[in-house]
Protein backbone atom coordinates (compact mmCIF):
# COMPACT_ATOMS: atom_id res chain seq x y z
CA UNK A 1 15.31 -34.79 -33.11
CA UNK A 2 14.44 -32.40 -30.06
CA UNK A 3 16.35 -34.68 -27.70
CA UNK A 4 19.32 -34.46 -29.89
CA UNK A 5 19.26 -30.63 -29.51
CA UNK A 6 18.60 -31.17 -25.67
CA UNK A 7 21.86 -33.30 -25.58
CA UNK A 8 24.09 -30.92 -27.21
CA UNK A 9 22.61 -28.00 -25.18
CA UNK A 10 23.32 -30.18 -22.03
CA UNK A 11 26.65 -31.25 -23.06
CA UNK A 12 27.74 -27.75 -23.99
CA UNK A 13 26.84 -26.53 -20.24
CA UNK A 14 28.89 -29.37 -19.00
CA UNK A 15 32.63 -28.23 -18.27
CA UNK A 16 34.96 -31.24 -17.71
CA UNK A 17 38.80 -30.32 -17.58
CA UNK A 18 38.13 -26.66 -18.26
CA UNK A 19 36.31 -27.55 -21.39
CA UNK A 20 32.83 -27.76 -22.61
CA UNK A 21 32.12 -31.56 -23.14
CA UNK A 22 31.32 -30.86 -26.97
CA UNK A 23 34.89 -29.80 -27.33
CA UNK A 24 36.20 -33.64 -26.85
CA UNK A 25 36.67 -35.31 -30.36
CA UNK A 26 34.94 -38.75 -29.12
CA UNK A 27 31.97 -36.83 -27.76
CA UNK A 28 31.73 -34.89 -31.09
CA UNK A 29 32.00 -38.06 -33.11
CA UNK A 30 28.96 -39.55 -30.90
CA UNK A 31 26.92 -36.68 -31.96
CA UNK A 32 27.62 -36.62 -35.58
CA UNK A 33 26.90 -40.41 -36.08
CA UNK A 34 23.51 -39.69 -34.10
CA UNK A 35 22.76 -37.10 -36.47
CA UNK A 36 23.53 -38.96 -39.52
CA UNK A 37 21.47 -41.63 -38.19
CA UNK A 38 18.55 -39.11 -37.76
CA UNK A 39 18.85 -37.99 -41.29
CA UNK A 40 19.12 -41.21 -42.64
CA UNK A 41 15.84 -42.35 -40.55
CA UNK A 42 13.81 -39.32 -42.00
CA UNK A 43 14.93 -39.95 -45.78
CA UNK A 44 14.34 -43.63 -45.28
CA UNK A 45 10.80 -42.72 -43.93
CA UNK A 46 10.41 -40.39 -46.77
CA UNK A 47 10.99 -42.84 -49.17
CA UNK A 48 8.41 -45.01 -47.91
CA UNK A 49 5.62 -42.27 -47.30
CA UNK A 50 6.30 -42.08 -51.46
CA UNK A 51 5.77 -45.32 -52.25
CA UNK A 52 2.78 -45.36 -50.44
CA UNK A 53 1.30 -42.16 -51.91
CA UNK A 54 2.19 -43.52 -55.51
CA UNK A 55 0.89 -47.00 -55.03
CA UNK A 56 -1.08 -48.34 -57.73
CA UNK A 57 -2.95 -51.95 -57.91
CA UNK A 58 0.21 -53.30 -59.72
CA UNK A 59 2.92 -51.49 -57.66
CA UNK A 60 2.38 -52.04 -54.25
CA UNK A 61 6.11 -51.68 -52.94
CA UNK A 62 4.48 -49.77 -49.50
CA UNK A 63 3.75 -53.34 -48.51
CA UNK A 64 7.18 -54.38 -48.21
CA UNK A 65 8.50 -50.97 -47.29
CA UNK A 66 6.33 -50.07 -44.30
CA UNK A 67 6.97 -52.68 -42.06
CA UNK A 68 10.57 -52.48 -42.97
CA UNK A 69 10.64 -48.82 -42.11
CA UNK A 70 8.98 -49.18 -38.89
CA UNK A 71 11.65 -51.90 -37.73
CA UNK A 72 15.04 -50.04 -39.23
CA UNK A 73 13.68 -46.51 -37.93
CA UNK A 74 12.80 -47.90 -34.24
CA UNK A 75 16.23 -49.71 -34.31
CA UNK A 76 18.12 -46.59 -35.53
CA UNK A 77 16.26 -44.50 -33.00
CA UNK A 78 17.41 -46.99 -30.33
CA UNK A 79 21.13 -46.48 -31.12
CA UNK A 80 20.73 -42.53 -31.55
CA UNK A 81 19.38 -42.45 -27.95
CA UNK A 82 22.23 -44.62 -26.90
CA UNK A 83 24.69 -42.39 -28.44
CA UNK A 84 23.09 -39.39 -26.54
């Protein structure tokens, strides 16, 4: 998340063709996509944490969600870094 804010600050301080880089629509779209992926990763991780905390002997969904979360959050994190 900190890298996201650093990227926005850096892009806003860069001037191309007399405008900050953040004024270009394709750059804004990349930032919006990156932010949406960050929020989705947080929500997905929170769901896995919730399954782990509420686990019982009969309900052990966390055994599925924890590895899936690790895989998905890592792959989405790589996409976010690429977008930034």
